[in-house]
Amino acid sequence: MASVEGCSLALSSIEGSRSEVDLAALVEAYSSLLFRVAHSVLRSGAEAEDVVQDVFVRVLEHRQSLSSVRDMRVWLVRIAWNLSLDRRRRVRPEQFDEGFAESLVAKSLPADKALDEARRMRAVLREMERLPKAERHVLLLSVVEELGTAEMAEVLGRSESAVRALLFRARTRLRERLEEGGCA
């Protein structure tokens, strides 16, 4: 039985045979994705790291019921998403961290282009913060996390058609606001 510091998780496969899911493998496979999810909501590296750790604590707490998880990736993202939203409501008011925009700019750009791109990203993120909460959430999951419609629907607990409608409205509203502000 594989383990990390004495922790391994037994998981039944679809066929009903026993197989093991190594916690270290889950951490290695999903920690960067979960960090991006948390960071996109919290805009703080330290807070995002705390959320990622909390996600894997939840995995350990629910190890008995892991066999019922259909899609581990979506399940973990949903936990990270909900923990991030809870933490943001408790710890931080709705505000924008200026350093987040710079973290999204490609490192290979020349300095002048990187500054211009960071300015543009700050404007986009500021306008995203002004969107209604449901629209902002689908936009974050779609653009920053690159989740598909079905995955977003599962994370948000909505139908796929509702997610597509929200995404359309969010993109349209964001485009209009950026054009009004001269950032498009």
N, C-alpha and C. Protein backbone atom coordinates (compact mmCIF):
# COMPACT_ATOMS: atom_id res chain seq x y z
N MET A 1 0.84 -1.17 0.00
CA MET A 1 0.00 0.00 0.00
C MET A 1 0.89 1.24 0.00
N ALA A 2 0.76 2.08 -1.03
CA ALA A 2 1.57 3.29 -1.13
C ALA A 2 1.08 4.31 -0.11
N SER A 3 2.03 5.10 0.39
CA SER A 3 1.61 6.09 1.38
C SER A 3 2.55 7.28 1.40
N VAL A 4 2.05 8.38 1.94
CA VAL A 4 2.84 9.57 2.18
C VAL A 4 2.71 9.86 3.66
N GLU A 5 3.82 9.81 4.36
CA GLU A 5 3.81 10.03 5.79
C GLU A 5 2.71 9.20 6.45
N GLY A 6 2.57 7.97 5.99
CA GLY A 6 1.60 7.07 6.58
C GLY A 6 0.19 7.25 6.07
N CYS A 7 -0.03 8.07 5.04
CA CYS A 7 -1.37 8.34 4.54
C CYS A 7 -1.54 7.76 3.14
N SER A 8 -2.41 6.81 3.00
CA SER A 8 -2.82 6.35 1.68
C SER A 8 -4.31 6.15 1.71
N LEU A 9 -4.92 6.20 0.55
CA LEU A 9 -6.36 6.14 0.45
C LEU A 9 -6.77 4.98 -0.42
N ALA A 10 -7.57 4.09 0.11
CA ALA A 10 -8.09 3.00 -0.70
C ALA A 10 -9.34 3.48 -1.41
N LEU A 11 -9.46 3.15 -2.69
CA LEU A 11 -10.58 3.63 -3.48
C LEU A 11 -11.07 2.51 -4.38
N SER A 12 -12.37 2.27 -4.39
CA SER A 12 -12.93 1.26 -5.26
C SER A 12 -13.04 1.82 -6.67
N SER A 13 -12.66 1.04 -7.63
CA SER A 13 -12.80 1.47 -9.02
C SER A 13 -14.21 1.17 -9.49
N ILE A 14 -14.57 1.60 -10.68
CA ILE A 14 -15.91 1.41 -11.21
C ILE A 14 -16.26 -0.06 -11.31
N GLU A 15 -15.30 -0.90 -11.64
CA GLU A 15 -15.56 -2.33 -11.78
C GLU A 15 -15.78 -3.00 -10.43
N GLY A 16 -15.50 -2.31 -9.35
CA GLY A 16 -15.72 -2.88 -8.03
C GLY A 16 -14.48 -3.50 -7.42
N SER A 17 -13.38 -3.56 -8.15
CA SER A 17 -12.16 -4.11 -7.56
C SER A 17 -11.50 -3.02 -6.73
N ARG A 18 -10.64 -3.41 -5.81
CA ARG A 18 -9.97 -2.46 -4.93
C ARG A 18 -8.70 -1.93 -5.59
N SER A 19 -8.53 -0.66 -5.54
CA SER A 19 -7.29 -0.05 -6.00
C SER A 19 -6.97 1.08 -5.03
N GLU A 20 -5.76 1.56 -5.07
CA GLU A 20 -5.35 2.60 -4.13
C GLU A 20 -5.11 3.91 -4.86
N VAL A 21 -5.50 4.97 -4.20
CA VAL A 21 -5.17 6.30 -4.67
C VAL A 21 -4.21 6.87 -3.65
N ASP A 22 -3.03 7.16 -4.09
CA ASP A 22 -1.99 7.68 -3.22
C ASP A 22 -2.21 9.18 -3.01
N LEU A 23 -2.22 9.61 -1.76
CA LEU A 23 -2.40 11.02 -1.46
C LEU A 23 -1.32 11.87 -2.12
N ALA A 24 -0.11 11.38 -2.15
CA ALA A 24 0.98 12.12 -2.80
C ALA A 24 0.68 12.30 -4.28
N ALA A 25 0.12 11.29 -4.92
CA ALA A 25 -0.23 11.40 -6.34
C ALA A 25 -1.32 12.45 -6.55
N LEU A 26 -2.30 12.48 -5.65
CA LEU A 26 -3.36 13.49 -5.74
C LEU A 26 -2.77 14.89 -5.57
N VAL A 27 -1.91 15.04 -4.59
CA VAL A 27 -1.28 16.35 -4.35
C VAL A 27 -0.48 16.77 -5.56
N GLU A 28 0.31 15.85 -6.09
CA GLU A 28 1.14 16.18 -7.25
C GLU A 28 0.29 16.51 -8.47
N ALA A 29 -0.78 15.76 -8.67
CA ALA A 29 -1.60 15.95 -9.87
C ALA A 29 -2.47 17.21 -9.81
N TYR A 30 -2.95 17.56 -8.62
CA TYR A 30 -3.98 18.60 -8.55
C TYR A 30 -3.61 19.85 -7.75
N SER A 31 -2.50 19.86 -7.06
CA SER A 31 -2.22 21.01 -6.19
C SER A 31 -2.08 22.32 -6.97
N SER A 32 -1.45 22.30 -8.13
CA SER A 32 -1.30 23.55 -8.88
C SER A 32 -2.65 24.05 -9.41
N LEU A 33 -3.50 23.14 -9.86
CA LEU A 33 -4.84 23.53 -10.30
C LEU A 33 -5.63 24.11 -9.14
N LEU A 34 -5.60 23.45 -7.99
CA LEU A 34 -6.33 23.93 -6.83
C LEU A 34 -5.79 25.27 -6.35
N PHE A 35 -4.47 25.46 -6.44
CA PHE A 35 -3.88 26.74 -6.08
C PHE A 35 -4.41 27.84 -7.00
N ARG A 36 -4.46 27.57 -8.31
CA ARG A 36 -4.97 28.58 -9.25
C ARG A 36 -6.42 28.91 -8.96
N VAL A 37 -7.23 27.90 -8.64
CA VAL A 37 -8.64 28.14 -8.31
C VAL A 37 -8.73 29.05 -7.10
N ALA A 38 -8.03 28.70 -6.05
CA ALA A 38 -8.07 29.49 -4.82
C ALA A 38 -7.50 30.89 -5.04
N HIS A 39 -6.40 30.97 -5.76
CA HIS A 39 -5.76 32.27 -6.00
C HIS A 39 -6.64 33.18 -6.84
N SER A 40 -7.39 32.61 -7.78
CA SER A 40 -8.26 33.44 -8.61
C SER A 40 -9.38 34.07 -7.79
N VAL A 41 -9.78 33.43 -6.71
CA VAL A 41 -10.82 33.98 -5.85
C VAL A 41 -10.22 34.88 -4.78
N LEU A 42 -9.14 34.44 -4.15
CA LEU A 42 -8.59 35.13 -2.99
C LEU A 42 -7.56 36.20 -3.33
N ARG A 43 -6.88 36.04 -4.45
CA ARG A 43 -5.84 36.97 -4.89
C ARG A 43 -4.71 37.08 -3.89
N SER A 44 -4.46 36.01 -3.17
CA SER A 44 -3.37 35.99 -2.19
C SER A 44 -2.73 34.61 -2.22
N GLY A 45 -1.44 34.57 -2.44
CA GLY A 45 -0.73 33.30 -2.50
C GLY A 45 -0.80 32.53 -1.19
N ALA A 46 -0.61 33.23 -0.08
CA ALA A 46 -0.63 32.56 1.22
C ALA A 46 -2.01 31.99 1.53
N GLU A 47 -3.05 32.77 1.26
CA GLU A 47 -4.42 32.30 1.49
C GLU A 47 -4.73 31.11 0.57
N ALA A 48 -4.28 31.17 -0.68
CA ALA A 48 -4.53 30.08 -1.63
C ALA A 48 -3.83 28.80 -1.18
N GLU A 49 -2.60 28.93 -0.66
CA GLU A 49 -1.90 27.75 -0.16
C GLU A 49 -2.65 27.12 1.01
N ASP A 50 -3.21 27.95 1.89
CA ASP A 50 -3.99 27.44 3.01
C ASP A 50 -5.21 26.67 2.51
N VAL A 51 -5.86 27.19 1.48
CA VAL A 51 -7.03 26.51 0.93
C VAL A 51 -6.64 25.15 0.35
N VAL A 52 -5.53 25.10 -0.38
CA VAL A 52 -5.08 23.83 -0.96
C VAL A 52 -4.83 22.81 0.14
N GLN A 53 -4.20 23.23 1.21
CA GLN A 53 -3.99 22.31 2.33
C GLN A 53 -5.31 21.85 2.92
N ASP A 54 -6.26 22.77 3.05
CA ASP A 54 -7.57 22.42 3.59
C ASP A 54 -8.29 21.42 2.69
N VAL A 55 -8.11 21.54 1.37
CA VAL A 55 -8.73 20.60 0.44
C VAL A 55 -8.24 19.19 0.72
N PHE A 56 -6.94 19.04 0.88
CA PHE A 56 -6.40 17.70 1.10
C PHE A 56 -6.71 17.17 2.50
N VAL A 57 -6.94 18.06 3.46
CA VAL A 57 -7.44 17.63 4.77
C VAL A 57 -8.85 17.06 4.58
N ARG A 58 -9.65 17.70 3.75
CA ARG A 58 -11.00 17.19 3.46
C ARG A 58 -10.93 15.83 2.78
N VAL A 59 -9.97 15.64 1.91
CA VAL A 59 -9.80 14.34 1.25
C VAL A 59 -9.56 13.28 2.31
N LEU A 60 -8.68 13.57 3.25
CA LEU A 60 -8.41 12.61 4.32
C LEU A 60 -9.65 12.36 5.17
N GLU A 61 -10.40 13.42 5.46
CA GLU A 61 -11.61 13.27 6.27
C GLU A 61 -12.67 12.43 5.56
N HIS A 62 -12.72 12.48 4.24
CA HIS A 62 -13.74 11.77 3.47
C HIS A 62 -13.21 10.54 2.75
N ARG A 63 -12.09 10.01 3.20
CA ARG A 63 -11.48 8.88 2.51
C ARG A 63 -12.39 7.67 2.44
N GLN A 64 -13.32 7.54 3.37
CA GLN A 64 -14.24 6.38 3.35
C GLN A 64 -15.24 6.46 2.20
N SER A 65 -15.56 7.68 1.76
CA SER A 65 -16.57 7.84 0.71
C SER A 65 -15.98 8.19 -0.64
N LEU A 66 -14.67 8.07 -0.81
CA LEU A 66 -14.03 8.42 -2.09
C LEU A 66 -14.49 7.53 -3.24
N SER A 67 -14.95 6.35 -2.93
CA SER A 67 -15.38 5.44 -4.00
C SER A 67 -16.60 5.98 -4.73
N SER A 68 -17.37 6.89 -4.11
CA SER A 68 -18.55 7.45 -4.77
C SER A 68 -18.24 8.69 -5.60
N VAL A 69 -17.00 9.15 -5.58
CA VAL A 69 -16.60 10.33 -6.36
C VAL A 69 -16.44 9.91 -7.82
N ARG A 70 -17.24 10.53 -8.71
CA ARG A 70 -17.19 10.19 -10.13
C ARG A 70 -15.98 10.82 -10.82
N ASP A 71 -15.73 12.08 -10.55
CA ASP A 71 -14.64 12.81 -11.20
C ASP A 71 -13.83 13.52 -10.13
N MET A 72 -12.69 12.96 -9.79
CA MET A 72 -11.87 13.47 -8.70
C MET A 72 -11.47 14.93 -8.94
N ARG A 73 -11.12 15.27 -10.18
CA ARG A 73 -10.69 16.63 -10.50
C ARG A 73 -11.79 17.64 -10.18
N VAL A 74 -13.00 17.38 -10.65
CA VAL A 74 -14.11 18.30 -10.43
C VAL A 74 -14.46 18.37 -8.94
N TRP A 75 -14.42 17.22 -8.27
CA TRP A 75 -14.73 17.17 -6.84
C TRP A 75 -13.75 18.04 -6.06
N LEU A 76 -12.46 17.91 -6.37
CA LEU A 76 -11.44 18.70 -5.68
C LEU A 76 -11.57 20.19 -6.00
N VAL A 77 -11.86 20.52 -7.25
CA VAL A 77 -12.03 21.93 -7.63
C VAL A 77 -13.23 22.52 -6.90
N ARG A 78 -14.30 21.75 -6.79
CA ARG A 78 -15.49 22.24 -6.11
C ARG A 78 -15.17 22.53 -4.64
N ILE A 79 -14.43 21.64 -3.99
CA ILE A 79 -14.04 21.87 -2.60
C ILE A 79 -13.19 23.13 -2.50
N ALA A 80 -12.19 23.26 -3.37
CA ALA A 80 -11.32 24.44 -3.34
C ALA A 80 -12.12 25.72 -3.60
N TRP A 81 -13.03 25.66 -4.53
CA TRP A 81 -13.86 26.81 -4.87
C TRP A 81 -14.69 27.25 -3.66
N ASN A 82 -15.38 26.29 -3.05
CA ASN A 82 -16.23 26.63 -1.91
C ASN A 82 -15.42 27.11 -0.71
N LEU A 83 -14.29 26.47 -0.44
CA LEU A 83 -13.44 26.92 0.66
C LEU A 83 -12.91 28.33 0.40
N SER A 84 -12.57 28.61 -0.85
CA SER A 84 -12.07 29.94 -1.20
C SER A 84 -13.13 31.01 -1.03
N LEU A 85 -14.34 30.71 -1.47
CA LEU A 85 -15.43 31.67 -1.31
C LEU A 85 -15.72 31.91 0.17
N ASP A 86 -15.73 30.84 0.97
CA ASP A 86 -15.96 30.99 2.41
C ASP A 86 -14.87 31.84 3.04
N ARG A 87 -13.63 31.57 2.67
CA ARG A 87 -12.50 32.31 3.24
C ARG A 87 -12.56 33.77 2.82
N ARG A 88 -12.93 34.03 1.58
CA ARG A 88 -12.99 35.42 1.10
C ARG A 88 -14.06 36.20 1.84
N ARG A 89 -15.19 35.56 2.11
CA ARG A 89 -16.25 36.24 2.87
C ARG A 89 -15.80 36.53 4.30
N ARG A 90 -15.07 35.59 4.90
CA ARG A 90 -14.63 35.75 6.29
C ARG A 90 -13.43 36.67 6.43
N VAL A 91 -12.42 36.45 5.61
CA VAL A 91 -11.12 37.08 5.82
C VAL A 91 -10.97 38.40 5.07
N ARG A 92 -11.42 38.44 3.84
CA ARG A 92 -11.16 39.62 3.00
C ARG A 92 -12.45 40.18 2.44
N PRO A 93 -12.59 41.48 2.48
CA PRO A 93 -13.72 42.09 1.78
C PRO A 93 -13.50 42.01 0.28
N GLU A 94 -14.52 42.31 -0.49
CA GLU A 94 -14.41 42.31 -1.94
C GLU A 94 -13.45 43.41 -2.37
N GLN A 95 -12.21 43.03 -2.62
CA GLN A 95 -11.22 44.01 -3.08
C GLN A 95 -10.27 43.35 -4.05
N PHE A 96 -9.53 44.16 -4.74
CA PHE A 96 -8.65 43.69 -5.80
C PHE A 96 -7.20 43.85 -5.38
N ASP A 97 -6.45 42.79 -5.44
CA ASP A 97 -5.02 42.82 -5.12
C ASP A 97 -4.26 43.14 -6.40
N GLU A 98 -3.56 44.24 -6.42
CA GLU A 98 -2.85 44.70 -7.62
C GLU A 98 -1.80 43.71 -8.11
N GLY A 99 -1.19 42.94 -7.23
CA GLY A 99 -0.15 42.00 -7.62
C GLY A 99 -0.66 40.84 -8.44
N PHE A 100 -1.96 40.57 -8.36
CA PHE A 100 -2.52 39.44 -9.10
C PHE A 100 -2.41 39.66 -10.60
N ALA A 101 -2.65 40.86 -11.07
CA ALA A 101 -2.59 41.16 -12.51
C ALA A 101 -1.20 40.88 -13.06
N GLU A 102 -0.18 41.27 -12.32
CA GLU A 102 1.19 41.04 -12.78
C GLU A 102 1.51 39.55 -12.87
N SER A 103 0.90 38.75 -12.01
CA SER A 103 1.17 37.32 -12.04
C SER A 103 0.57 36.65 -13.27
N LEU A 104 -0.37 37.30 -13.93
CA LEU A 104 -1.01 36.73 -15.12
C LEU A 104 -0.30 37.09 -16.42
N VAL A 105 0.61 38.03 -16.36
CA VAL A 105 1.32 38.49 -17.56
C VAL A 105 2.44 37.51 -17.89
N ALA A 106 2.58 37.20 -19.17
CA ALA A 106 3.63 36.29 -19.63
C ALA A 106 5.00 36.85 -19.28
N LYS A 107 5.85 36.01 -18.74
CA LYS A 107 7.19 36.43 -18.31
C LYS A 107 8.12 36.70 -19.50
N SER A 108 7.77 36.20 -20.67
CA SER A 108 8.65 36.34 -21.84
C SER A 108 8.48 37.67 -22.57
N LEU A 109 7.51 38.49 -22.16
CA LEU A 109 7.29 39.77 -22.82
C LEU A 109 8.37 40.78 -22.45
N PRO A 110 8.71 41.67 -23.38
CA PRO A 110 9.63 42.77 -23.03
C PRO A 110 8.99 43.64 -21.95
N ALA A 111 9.79 44.37 -21.21
CA ALA A 111 9.32 45.12 -20.05
C ALA A 111 8.21 46.11 -20.39
N ASP A 112 8.36 46.86 -21.51
CA ASP A 112 7.33 47.84 -21.85
C ASP A 112 6.00 47.18 -22.18
N LYS A 113 6.05 46.07 -22.88
CA LYS A 113 4.82 45.35 -23.21
C LYS A 113 4.23 44.69 -21.97
N ALA A 114 5.08 44.20 -21.09
CA ALA A 114 4.60 43.58 -19.85
C ALA A 114 3.87 44.61 -18.98
N LEU A 115 4.41 45.84 -18.91
CA LEU A 115 3.74 46.89 -18.13
C LEU A 115 2.39 47.24 -18.72
N ASP A 116 2.34 47.34 -20.05
CA ASP A 116 1.07 47.64 -20.73
C ASP A 116 0.07 46.51 -20.51
N GLU A 117 0.54 45.28 -20.62
CA GLU A 117 -0.33 44.12 -20.43
C GLU A 117 -0.83 44.04 -18.98
N ALA A 118 0.02 44.35 -18.02
CA ALA A 118 -0.38 44.35 -16.61
C ALA A 118 -1.44 45.42 -16.35
N ARG A 119 -1.27 46.58 -16.98
CA ARG A 119 -2.27 47.65 -16.84
C ARG A 119 -3.62 47.20 -17.39
N ARG A 120 -3.56 46.57 -18.54
CA ARG A 120 -4.79 46.05 -19.17
C ARG A 120 -5.43 44.97 -18.29
N MET A 121 -4.60 44.08 -17.74
CA MET A 121 -5.12 43.01 -16.87
C MET A 121 -5.77 43.60 -15.63
N ARG A 122 -5.16 44.64 -15.05
CA ARG A 122 -5.76 45.29 -13.87
C ARG A 122 -7.13 45.85 -14.22
N ALA A 123 -7.25 46.46 -15.39
CA ALA A 123 -8.54 47.01 -15.81
C ALA A 123 -9.57 45.90 -15.99
N VAL A 124 -9.16 44.81 -16.61
CA VAL A 124 -10.09 43.67 -16.82
C VAL A 124 -10.52 43.10 -15.48
N LEU A 125 -9.57 42.88 -14.58
CA LEU A 125 -9.89 42.32 -13.27
C LEU A 125 -10.76 43.26 -12.45
N ARG A 126 -10.52 44.55 -12.55
CA ARG A 126 -11.36 45.53 -11.85
C ARG A 126 -12.80 45.45 -12.35
N GLU A 127 -12.95 45.36 -13.66
CA GLU A 127 -14.29 45.25 -14.23
C GLU A 127 -14.94 43.91 -13.89
N MET A 128 -14.14 42.85 -13.82
CA MET A 128 -14.68 41.55 -13.41
C MET A 128 -15.23 41.63 -11.99
N GLU A 129 -14.55 42.37 -11.11
CA GLU A 129 -15.01 42.51 -9.73
C GLU A 129 -16.36 43.21 -9.65
N ARG A 130 -16.66 44.03 -10.64
CA ARG A 130 -17.93 44.76 -10.66
C ARG A 130 -19.08 43.93 -11.22
N LEU A 131 -18.77 42.81 -11.84
CA LEU A 131 -19.82 41.95 -12.39
C LEU A 131 -20.65 41.35 -11.27
N PRO A 132 -21.91 41.00 -11.56
CA PRO A 132 -22.69 40.25 -10.57
C PRO A 132 -21.96 38.97 -10.19
N LYS A 133 -22.12 38.55 -8.96
CA LYS A 133 -21.36 37.43 -8.40
C LYS A 133 -21.42 36.18 -9.27
N ALA A 134 -22.60 35.77 -9.72
CA ALA A 134 -22.73 34.55 -10.51
C ALA A 134 -21.97 34.65 -11.83
N GLU A 135 -22.04 35.82 -12.47
CA GLU A 135 -21.32 36.03 -13.73
C GLU A 135 -19.80 36.03 -13.49
N ARG A 136 -19.38 36.67 -12.41
CA ARG A 136 -17.95 36.71 -12.09
C ARG A 136 -17.42 35.30 -11.83
N HIS A 137 -18.19 34.49 -11.14
CA HIS A 137 -17.75 33.14 -10.83
C HIS A 137 -17.58 32.28 -12.08
N VAL A 138 -18.55 32.32 -13.01
CA VAL A 138 -18.39 31.50 -14.22
C VAL A 138 -17.24 32.01 -15.07
N LEU A 139 -17.04 33.31 -15.09
CA LEU A 139 -15.93 33.87 -15.86
C LEU A 139 -14.59 33.43 -15.28
N LEU A 140 -14.45 33.47 -13.98
CA LEU A 140 -13.21 33.02 -13.34
C LEU A 140 -12.94 31.55 -13.65
N LEU A 141 -13.96 30.72 -13.50
CA LEU A 141 -13.77 29.29 -13.75
C LEU A 141 -13.48 29.00 -15.21
N SER A 142 -14.08 29.77 -16.10
CA SER A 142 -13.89 29.54 -17.52
C SER A 142 -12.54 30.05 -18.01
N VAL A 143 -12.23 31.29 -17.69
CA VAL A 143 -11.05 31.94 -18.23
C VAL A 143 -9.79 31.60 -17.45
N VAL A 144 -9.84 31.77 -16.15
CA VAL A 144 -8.63 31.56 -15.35
C VAL A 144 -8.35 30.08 -15.15
N GLU A 145 -9.40 29.30 -14.88
CA GLU A 145 -9.20 27.88 -14.59
C GLU A 145 -9.40 26.97 -15.80
N GLU A 146 -9.93 27.51 -16.89
CA GLU A 146 -10.13 26.79 -18.14
C GLU A 146 -10.98 25.52 -17.96
N LEU A 147 -12.03 25.63 -17.15
CA LEU A 147 -12.95 24.51 -16.98
C LEU A 147 -13.99 24.53 -18.09
N GLY A 148 -14.47 23.37 -18.46
CA GLY A 148 -15.54 23.25 -19.45
C GLY A 148 -16.89 23.53 -18.83
N THR A 149 -17.91 23.64 -19.67
CA THR A 149 -19.26 23.96 -19.19
C THR A 149 -19.77 22.93 -18.20
N ALA A 150 -19.60 21.64 -18.50
CA ALA A 150 -20.08 20.60 -17.60
C ALA A 150 -19.37 20.66 -16.25
N GLU A 151 -18.07 20.91 -16.28
CA GLU A 151 -17.31 21.00 -15.02
C GLU A 151 -17.73 22.23 -14.22
N MET A 152 -17.92 23.36 -14.89
CA MET A 152 -18.37 24.56 -14.19
C MET A 152 -19.74 24.34 -13.57
N ALA A 153 -20.63 23.68 -14.31
CA ALA A 153 -21.97 23.40 -13.81
C ALA A 153 -21.91 22.57 -12.53
N GLU A 154 -21.03 21.58 -12.52
CA GLU A 154 -20.91 20.74 -11.33
C GLU A 154 -20.29 21.51 -10.16
N VAL A 155 -19.29 22.32 -10.42
CA VAL A 155 -18.66 23.09 -9.35
C VAL A 155 -19.64 24.09 -8.75
N LEU A 156 -20.42 24.75 -9.61
CA LEU A 156 -21.34 25.80 -9.15
C LEU A 156 -22.71 25.27 -8.75
N GLY A 157 -23.00 24.01 -9.04
CA GLY A 157 -24.31 23.45 -8.70
C GLY A 157 -25.43 24.04 -9.55
N ARG A 158 -25.14 24.27 -10.83
CA ARG A 158 -26.12 24.83 -11.77
C ARG A 158 -26.21 23.92 -12.99
N SER A 159 -27.22 24.15 -13.82
CA SER A 159 -27.34 23.38 -15.05
C SER A 159 -26.35 23.91 -16.08
N GLU A 160 -26.02 23.09 -17.06
CA GLU A 160 -25.08 23.53 -18.11
C GLU A 160 -25.65 24.70 -18.90
N SER A 161 -26.95 24.69 -19.16
CA SER A 161 -27.54 25.80 -19.91
C SER A 161 -27.49 27.10 -19.10
N ALA A 162 -27.67 27.01 -17.79
CA ALA A 162 -27.57 28.21 -16.95
C ALA A 162 -26.14 28.73 -16.95
N VAL A 163 -25.16 27.84 -16.93
CA VAL A 163 -23.75 28.25 -16.97
C VAL A 163 -23.44 28.92 -18.31
N ARG A 164 -23.91 28.34 -19.41
CA ARG A 164 -23.66 28.95 -20.72
C ARG A 164 -24.28 30.35 -20.81
N ALA A 165 -25.51 30.50 -20.28
CA ALA A 165 -26.18 31.81 -20.29
C ALA A 165 -25.41 32.81 -19.43
N LEU A 166 -25.00 32.40 -18.25
CA LEU A 166 -24.22 33.29 -17.37
C LEU A 166 -22.91 33.70 -18.03
N LEU A 167 -22.25 32.74 -18.65
CA LEU A 167 -20.97 33.02 -19.30
C LEU A 167 -21.15 34.01 -20.45
N PHE A 168 -22.19 33.83 -21.24
CA PHE A 168 -22.48 34.74 -22.34
C PHE A 168 -22.73 36.15 -21.82
N ARG A 169 -23.58 36.26 -20.78
CA ARG A 169 -23.88 37.57 -20.20
C ARG A 169 -22.63 38.21 -19.60
N ALA A 170 -21.82 37.42 -18.93
CA ALA A 170 -20.61 37.95 -18.30
C ALA A 170 -19.64 38.48 -19.35
N ARG A 171 -19.43 37.71 -20.40
CA ARG A 171 -18.50 38.14 -21.45
C ARG A 171 -19.02 39.40 -22.16
N THR A 172 -20.33 39.43 -22.43
CA THR A 172 -20.92 40.58 -23.09
C THR A 172 -20.80 41.83 -22.23
N ARG A 173 -21.18 41.70 -20.95
CA ARG A 173 -21.12 42.84 -20.03
C ARG A 173 -19.68 43.32 -19.85
N LEU A 174 -18.75 42.38 -19.71
CA LEU A 174 -17.34 42.74 -19.53
C LEU A 174 -16.81 43.46 -20.77
N ARG A 175 -17.12 42.93 -21.95
CA ARG A 175 -16.67 43.57 -23.19
C ARG A 175 -17.21 44.99 -23.29
N GLU A 176 -18.51 45.18 -22.99
CA GLU A 176 -19.10 46.52 -23.06
C GLU A 176 -18.44 47.49 -22.09
N ARG A 177 -18.19 47.02 -20.88
CA ARG A 177 -17.58 47.90 -19.87
C ARG A 177 -16.14 48.25 -20.25
N LEU A 178 -15.41 47.29 -20.80
CA LEU A 178 -14.04 47.58 -21.21
C LEU A 178 -14.00 48.54 -22.39
N GLU A 179 -14.94 48.41 -23.31
CA GLU A 179 -15.01 49.33 -24.45
C GLU A 179 -15.35 50.74 -23.96
N GLU A 180 -16.25 50.85 -22.99
CA GLU A 180 -16.60 52.15 -22.44
C GLU A 180 -15.39 52.80 -21.76
N GLY A 181 -14.59 51.99 -21.10
CA GLY A 181 -13.42 52.50 -20.40
C GLY A 181 -12.20 52.66 -21.28
N GLY A 182 -12.31 52.28 -22.55
CA GLY A 182 -11.19 52.41 -23.48
C GLY A 182 -10.11 51.36 -23.32
N CYS A 183 -10.44 50.22 -22.74
CA CYS A 183 -9.43 49.18 -22.50
C CYS A 183 -9.56 48.00 -23.44
N ALA A 184 -10.53 48.01 -24.32
CA ALA A 184 -10.74 46.84 -25.19
C ALA A 184 -9.85 46.86 -26.41
